[in-house]
Amino acid sequence: MAEPVLDARDRAILNRLQDGIPVCDRPFAAVGEELGLGEEDLLARLRRLLESGVLTRFGPLYQIERAGGAFVLAAMQVPPEDVERVADIANGFDEVAHNYLCDHRFNLWFVVAAGGREQAFDAIARIEAETGYPVYAMPKLKEYFLDLRLPV
């Protein structure tokens, strides 16, 4: 698959939206106005970026613990020839928010998001059972706010 082409407006949109969205009746109209775009053009570009895979998710970030839920970062050691099968199994769980492959002995990483710590660890146990590999769970002990920006 060819690399998607981002023009200057796409880059401006991606960079601007990393700073948040205004709380108002028409936030995309407000951001569009800042960028010299109409609301519909901005929304159409976001849809295209999602459909092309440039963006895999677009939405708010929540502190799930404040609502009683839990996020758990997890890692697995999976032989390269079995990664696709194991990733497909993990992705099949509603609790798995996303996963990614790393060039490390712990090569498959994912985030489990659940209604609470017990449910998160239950999902991890079911993933272990279905894949046949141990899952190394790393629950959050302390939250840090880094204000991460990824300039495009």
Protein backbone atom coordinates (compact mmCIF):
# COMPACT_ATOMS: atom_id res chain seq x y z
CA MET A 1 0.00 0.00 0.00
CA ALA A 2 1.34 3.43 -0.93
CA GLU A 3 2.16 5.97 1.74
CA PRO A 4 -0.68 8.50 2.09
CA VAL A 5 0.11 11.97 0.84
CA LEU A 6 -0.42 14.78 3.32
CA ASP A 7 -0.68 18.30 2.00
CA ALA A 8 0.09 21.44 4.02
CA ARG A 9 -3.55 21.75 5.19
CA ASP A 10 -3.64 18.14 6.41
CA ARG A 11 -0.45 18.77 8.38
CA ALA A 12 -1.87 22.00 9.81
CA ILE A 13 -5.04 20.16 10.88
CA LEU A 14 -3.09 17.35 12.57
CA ASN A 15 -0.78 19.78 14.35
CA ARG A 16 -3.64 22.07 15.48
CA LEU A 17 -5.89 19.30 16.78
CA GLN A 18 -3.14 18.05 19.08
CA ASP A 19 -3.75 21.22 21.10
CA GLY A 20 -7.37 20.31 21.80
CA ILE A 21 -10.75 21.28 20.47
CA PRO A 22 -12.66 24.34 21.65
CA VAL A 23 -15.71 23.76 23.82
CA CYS A 24 -18.41 25.49 21.83
CA ASP A 25 -21.50 24.71 19.73
CA ARG A 26 -19.49 24.06 16.55
CA PRO A 27 -15.91 23.17 17.48
CA PHE A 28 -14.93 22.04 13.97
CA ALA A 29 -16.20 25.29 12.50
CA ALA A 30 -14.07 27.19 15.04
CA VAL A 31 -10.94 25.15 14.27
CA GLY A 32 -11.65 25.39 10.55
CA GLU A 33 -11.88 29.16 10.83
CA GLU A 34 -8.49 29.26 12.59
CA LEU A 35 -7.02 27.27 9.70
CA GLY A 36 -8.82 29.06 6.87
CA LEU A 37 -11.09 26.07 6.16
CA GLY A 38 -14.81 25.58 6.21
CA GLU A 39 -16.30 23.19 8.74
CA GLU A 40 -17.32 20.65 6.07
CA ASP A 41 -13.88 20.73 4.43
CA LEU A 42 -12.21 20.12 7.80
CA LEU A 43 -14.56 17.22 8.58
CA ALA A 44 -14.08 15.73 5.09
CA ARG A 45 -10.31 15.86 5.52
CA LEU A 46 -10.55 14.16 8.93
CA ARG A 47 -12.75 11.41 7.45
CA ARG A 48 -10.22 10.88 4.64
CA LEU A 49 -7.33 10.71 7.13
CA LEU A 50 -9.23 8.10 9.16
CA GLU A 51 -10.24 6.07 6.10
CA SER A 52 -6.69 6.10 4.71
CA GLY A 53 -5.22 4.96 8.04
CA VAL A 54 -3.19 8.13 8.64
CA LEU A 55 -5.32 8.48 11.77
CA THR A 56 -6.38 5.30 13.49
CA ARG A 57 -8.49 6.99 16.12
CA PHE A 58 -9.89 10.44 16.68
CA GLY A 59 -11.46 11.20 20.02
CA PRO A 60 -11.00 12.44 23.55
CA LEU A 61 -8.65 11.06 26.16
CA TYR A 62 -10.25 10.16 29.47
CA GLN A 63 -8.93 9.45 32.92
CA ILE A 64 -10.83 6.19 33.11
CA GLU A 65 -9.98 5.67 36.78
CA ARG A 66 -12.08 8.70 37.73
CA ALA A 67 -15.08 6.84 36.32
CA GLY A 68 -14.15 3.61 38.14
CA GLY A 69 -12.46 1.94 35.16
CA ALA A 70 -8.93 0.73 34.55
CA PHE A 71 -6.28 0.82 31.84
CA VAL A 72 -3.52 -1.79 31.91
CA LEU A 73 -0.52 -1.79 29.60
CA ALA A 74 0.40 -5.35 28.66
CA ALA A 75 3.23 -7.05 26.77
CA MET A 76 3.82 -10.50 25.37
CA GLN A 77 6.75 -12.45 23.99
CA VAL A 78 5.44 -14.04 20.81
CA PRO A 79 7.50 -15.90 18.21
CA PRO A 80 7.52 -13.88 14.96
CA GLU A 81 5.73 -16.64 13.06
CA ASP A 82 2.81 -16.49 15.54
CA VAL A 83 2.46 -12.71 15.97
CA GLU A 84 -0.36 -12.28 13.47
CA ARG A 85 -2.48 -15.02 15.04
CA VAL A 86 -1.92 -13.72 18.57
CA ALA A 87 -2.56 -10.08 17.58
CA ASP A 88 -5.82 -11.14 15.90
CA ILE A 89 -6.90 -12.92 19.08
CA ALA A 90 -6.02 -9.94 21.28
CA ASN A 91 -7.80 -7.55 18.91
CA GLY A 92 -10.90 -9.73 19.18
CA PHE A 93 -11.34 -8.74 22.83
CA ASP A 94 -13.57 -5.72 23.43
CA GLU A 95 -11.22 -4.69 26.25
CA VAL A 96 -8.19 -4.35 23.94
CA ALA A 97 -7.99 -0.72 22.88
CA HIS A 98 -5.10 -1.20 20.44
CA ASN A 99 -1.90 -3.17 20.03
CA TYR A 100 1.43 -2.65 18.37
CA LEU A 101 4.50 -4.63 17.43
CA CYS A 102 7.94 -3.70 18.78
CA ASP A 103 11.44 -4.82 17.85
CA HIS A 104 12.20 -6.20 21.31
CA ARG A 105 11.91 -9.54 23.08
CA PHE A 106 8.57 -8.24 24.41
CA ASN A 107 7.32 -7.71 20.91
CA LEU A 108 3.51 -7.46 21.16
CA TRP A 109 2.11 -4.66 23.32
CA PHE A 110 -1.48 -3.68 23.91
CA VAL A 111 -3.72 -1.66 26.21
CA VAL A 112 -6.59 -3.26 28.11
CA ALA A 113 -9.41 -0.88 29.00
CA ALA A 114 -12.11 -2.22 31.30
CA GLY A 115 -14.77 -1.23 33.77
CA GLY A 116 -12.42 -1.93 36.66
CA ARG A 117 -9.16 -3.59 37.67
CA GLU A 118 -10.79 -7.00 38.18
CA GLN A 119 -12.35 -6.94 34.70
CA ALA A 120 -9.04 -5.87 33.15
CA PHE A 121 -7.15 -8.76 34.74
CA ASP A 122 -9.94 -11.15 33.79
CA ALA A 123 -9.51 -10.11 30.14
CA ILE A 124 -5.75 -10.60 30.45
CA ALA A 125 -6.28 -14.12 31.83
CA ARG A 126 -8.62 -14.93 28.93
CA ILE A 127 -6.06 -13.61 26.41
CA GLU A 128 -3.40 -15.85 27.98
CA ALA A 129 -5.74 -18.84 27.80
CA GLU A 130 -6.69 -18.25 24.16
CA THR A 131 -3.20 -17.45 22.89
CA GLY A 132 -1.19 -19.89 24.98
CA TYR A 133 1.32 -17.17 25.92
CA PRO A 134 1.77 -15.30 29.20
CA VAL A 135 0.71 -11.66 29.32
CA TYR A 136 2.89 -9.33 31.39
CA ALA A 137 0.53 -6.75 32.89
CA MET A 138 1.77 -3.33 33.89
CA PRO A 139 -1.03 -1.45 35.64
CA LYS A 140 -0.60 2.27 36.09
CA LEU A 141 0.79 3.16 39.50
CA LYS A 142 1.06 6.90 38.98
CA GLU A 143 -0.14 9.21 36.23
CA TYR A 144 2.15 11.73 34.58
CA PHE A 145 0.97 14.48 32.26
CA LEU A 146 3.56 15.01 29.54
CA ASP A 147 1.55 17.10 27.09
CA LEU A 148 2.91 15.02 24.21
CA ARG A 149 2.95 16.65 20.78
CA LEU A 150 3.88 14.82 17.58
CA PRO A 151 4.57 17.52 14.97
CA VAL A 152 3.57 16.49 11.48
